[in-house]
Amino acid sequence: MKFAVIETGGKQYKVSAGQKLKVEKMDVEIGAQFSFDKVLLVADEQKDGADTTIGTPYVADVKVGATVLSKDRDDKKIVFRYHNKNRYRKFKTHRQHYIEVEINTIG
């Protein structure tokens, strides 16, 4: 099975065809097809590294095709700051926007 390591939103993801994953919000419509340009590595798990391409920093002429399934916001995260002995407490929450994509093609 072929897999790739892509970079988007300052994070790296190991993806393979048919996989669904959540990535940080991008300006893409629901149902649209697009491609990830920043591919760091392409490999085949069955060949034990015989067919591995590592980019410097990115692999040339390789794109990972994806389809946008949905847009949503992640679960609420708590941001709490506290200084002892000073009665300092700050409580905030944050919900990160994301899109859910399905990986179609690698290559």
C-alpha atoms as a PDB file:
ATOM      1  CA  MET A   1       0.000   0.000   0.000  1.00  0.00           C
ATOM      2  CA  LYS A   2       1.394   3.376  -1.030  1.00  0.00           C
ATOM      3  CA  PHE A   3       1.545   6.196   1.506  1.00  0.00           C
ATOM      4  CA  ALA A   4       2.820   9.752   1.655  1.00  0.00           C
ATOM      5  CA  VAL A   5       3.764  12.314   4.282  1.00  0.00           C
ATOM      6  CA  ILE A   6       2.259  15.737   3.567  1.00  0.00           C
ATOM      7  CA  GLU A   7       2.611  19.105   5.235  1.00  0.00           C
ATOM      8  CA  THR A   8      -0.305  21.491   5.731  1.00  0.00           C
ATOM      9  CA  GLY A   9      -1.142  24.056   8.383  1.00  0.00           C
ATOM     10  CA  GLY A  10       2.297  23.689   9.967  1.00  0.00           C
ATOM     11  CA  LYS A  11       1.694  20.001  10.697  1.00  0.00           C
ATOM     12  CA  GLN A  12       2.717  16.764   9.007  1.00  0.00           C
ATOM     13  CA  TYR A  13       0.345  13.880   8.253  1.00  0.00           C
ATOM     14  CA  LYS A  14       0.954  10.318   7.056  1.00  0.00           C
ATOM     15  CA  VAL A  15      -1.797   9.606   4.508  1.00  0.00           C
ATOM     16  CA  SER A  16      -2.829   6.802   2.192  1.00  0.00           C
ATOM     17  CA  ALA A  17      -5.574   6.493  -0.442  1.00  0.00           C
ATOM     18  CA  GLY A  18      -9.085   6.238   0.996  1.00  0.00           C
ATOM     19  CA  GLN A  19      -8.116   7.731   4.367  1.00  0.00           C
ATOM     20  CA  LYS A  20     -10.167  10.501   5.989  1.00  0.00           C
ATOM     21  CA  LEU A  21      -8.478  13.136   8.136  1.00  0.00           C
ATOM     22  CA  LYS A  22      -9.073  16.535   9.709  1.00  0.00           C
ATOM     23  CA  VAL A  23      -6.771  19.379   8.704  1.00  0.00           C
ATOM     24  CA  GLU A  24      -6.823  23.022   9.713  1.00  0.00           C
ATOM     25  CA  LYS A  25      -9.243  25.298   7.902  1.00  0.00           C
ATOM     26  CA  MET A  26      -8.487  26.118   4.271  1.00  0.00           C
ATOM     27  CA  ASP A  27     -10.460  28.221   1.797  1.00  0.00           C
ATOM     28  CA  VAL A  28     -11.962  25.318  -0.148  1.00  0.00           C
ATOM     29  CA  GLU A  29     -15.648  24.614  -0.787  1.00  0.00           C
ATOM     30  CA  ILE A  30     -17.386  21.418   0.374  1.00  0.00           C
ATOM     31  CA  GLY A  31     -17.250  18.767  -2.351  1.00  0.00           C
ATOM     32  CA  ALA A  32     -14.334  20.437  -4.148  1.00  0.00           C
ATOM     33  CA  GLN A  33     -11.304  18.453  -5.216  1.00  0.00           C
ATOM     34  CA  PHE A  34      -7.836  19.891  -4.622  1.00  0.00           C
ATOM     35  CA  SER A  35      -4.282  18.685  -4.159  1.00  0.00           C
ATOM     36  CA  PHE A  36      -1.607  19.002  -1.493  1.00  0.00           C
ATOM     37  CA  ASP A  37       1.627  20.272  -3.083  1.00  0.00           C
ATOM     38  CA  LYS A  38       3.939  19.897  -0.091  1.00  0.00           C
ATOM     39  CA  VAL A  39       4.732  16.175  -0.163  1.00  0.00           C
ATOM     40  CA  LEU A  40       7.707  15.266   2.040  1.00  0.00           C
ATOM     41  CA  LEU A  41       7.912  11.513   1.406  1.00  0.00           C
ATOM     42  CA  VAL A  42       6.345   8.866  -0.829  1.00  0.00           C
ATOM     43  CA  ALA A  43       6.823   5.175  -0.045  1.00  0.00           C
ATOM     44  CA  ASP A  44       5.361   1.701  -0.516  1.00  0.00           C
ATOM     45  CA  GLU A  45       4.932  -0.327   2.690  1.00  0.00           C
ATOM     46  CA  GLN A  46       5.023  -3.683   0.907  1.00  0.00           C
ATOM     47  CA  LYS A  47       8.460  -3.175  -0.665  1.00  0.00           C
ATOM     48  CA  ASP A  48      10.360  -2.489   2.592  1.00  0.00           C
ATOM     49  CA  GLY A  49      11.857   0.821   1.491  1.00  0.00           C
ATOM     50  CA  ALA A  50      12.804  -0.253  -2.039  1.00  0.00           C
ATOM     51  CA  ASP A  51      10.438   2.299  -3.586  1.00  0.00           C
ATOM     52  CA  THR A  52      10.894   5.263  -1.207  1.00  0.00           C
ATOM     53  CA  THR A  53      11.332   8.857  -2.348  1.00  0.00           C
ATOM     54  CA  ILE A  54      12.395  11.479   0.185  1.00  0.00           C
ATOM     55  CA  GLY A  55      12.118  15.146  -0.708  1.00  0.00           C
ATOM     56  CA  THR A  56      14.656  17.894  -0.094  1.00  0.00           C
ATOM     57  CA  PRO A  57      12.470  19.436   1.368  1.00  0.00           C
ATOM     58  CA  TYR A  58       9.615  18.415  -0.963  1.00  0.00           C
ATOM     59  CA  VAL A  59       9.295  15.645  -3.542  1.00  0.00           C
ATOM     60  CA  ALA A  60       9.180  17.159  -7.040  1.00  0.00           C
ATOM     61  CA  ASP A  61       6.204  16.500  -9.360  1.00  0.00           C
ATOM     62  CA  VAL A  62       4.192  14.551  -6.749  1.00  0.00           C
ATOM     63  CA  LYS A  63       0.783  15.694  -5.509  1.00  0.00           C
ATOM     64  CA  VAL A  64      -1.769  14.133  -3.197  1.00  0.00           C
ATOM     65  CA  GLY A  65      -5.345  14.537  -4.443  1.00  0.00           C
ATOM     66  CA  ALA A  66      -8.157  15.040  -1.928  1.00  0.00           C
ATOM     67  CA  THR A  67     -11.876  15.819  -1.720  1.00  0.00           C
ATOM     68  CA  VAL A  68     -13.446  18.057   0.946  1.00  0.00           C
ATOM     69  CA  LEU A  69     -16.161  16.211   2.883  1.00  0.00           C
ATOM     70  CA  SER A  70     -17.167  18.780   5.520  1.00  0.00           C
ATOM     71  CA  LYS A  71     -16.240  21.933   7.413  1.00  0.00           C
ATOM     72  CA  ASP A  72     -16.697  22.178  11.163  1.00  0.00           C
ATOM     73  CA  ARG A  73     -15.174  23.274  14.455  1.00  0.00           C
ATOM     74  CA  ASP A  74     -13.249  20.980  16.787  1.00  0.00           C
ATOM     75  CA  ASP A  75     -14.100  20.249  20.420  1.00  0.00           C
ATOM     76  CA  LYS A  76     -13.642  23.005  22.974  1.00  0.00           C
ATOM     77  CA  LYS A  77     -10.150  23.360  24.455  1.00  0.00           C
ATOM     78  CA  ILE A  78      -9.594  25.069  27.797  1.00  0.00           C
ATOM     79  CA  VAL A  79      -6.853  27.699  28.131  1.00  0.00           C
ATOM     80  CA  PHE A  80      -6.232  28.418  31.821  1.00  0.00           C
ATOM     81  CA  ARG A  81      -3.506  30.674  33.187  1.00  0.00           C
ATOM     82  CA  TYR A  82      -2.665  30.819  36.863  1.00  0.00           C
ATOM     83  CA  HIS A  83      -0.064  32.600  38.982  1.00  0.00           C
ATOM     84  CA  ASN A  84       0.127  31.420  42.550  1.00  0.00           C
ATOM     85  CA  LYS A  85       0.077  33.918  45.447  1.00  0.00           C
ATOM     86  CA  ASN A  86      -1.153  36.745  43.185  1.00  0.00           C
ATOM     87  CA  ARG A  87      -4.862  35.960  42.719  1.00  0.00           C
ATOM     88  CA  TYR A  88      -4.269  35.759  38.971  1.00  0.00           C
ATOM     89  CA  ARG A  89      -6.573  33.444  37.050  1.00  0.00           C
ATOM     90  CA  LYS A  90      -7.509  33.694  33.374  1.00  0.00           C
ATOM     91  CA  PHE A  91      -9.938  31.233  31.865  1.00  0.00           C
ATOM     92  CA  LYS A  92     -10.525  31.096  28.101  1.00  0.00           C
ATOM     93  CA  THR A  93     -11.772  28.497  25.651  1.00  0.00           C
ATOM     94  CA  HIS A  94     -10.959  27.896  22.000  1.00  0.00           C
ATOM     95  CA  ARG A  95     -12.545  25.927  19.142  1.00  0.00           C
ATOM     96  CA  GLN A  96     -10.329  25.366  16.095  1.00  0.00           C
ATOM     97  CA  HIS A  97     -11.882  25.400  12.614  1.00  0.00           C
ATOM     98  CA  TYR A  98     -11.069  22.393  10.418  1.00  0.00           C
ATOM     99  CA  ILE A  99     -12.046  20.653   7.203  1.00  0.00           C
ATOM    100  CA  GLU A 100     -12.451  16.916   6.838  1.00  0.00           C
ATOM    101  CA  VAL A 101     -10.856  15.563   3.659  1.00  0.00           C
ATOM    102  CA  GLU A 102     -10.681  12.158   1.991  1.00  0.00           C
ATOM    103  CA  ILE A 103      -7.444  11.256   0.204  1.00  0.00           C
ATOM    104  CA  ASN A 104      -8.085  10.093  -3.369  1.00  0.00           C
ATOM    105  CA  THR A 105      -4.765   9.702  -5.140  1.00  0.00           C
ATOM    106  CA  ILE A 106      -1.061   9.727  -4.381  1.00  0.00           C
ATOM    107  CA  GLY A 107       1.253  10.468  -7.245  1.00  0.00           C
END
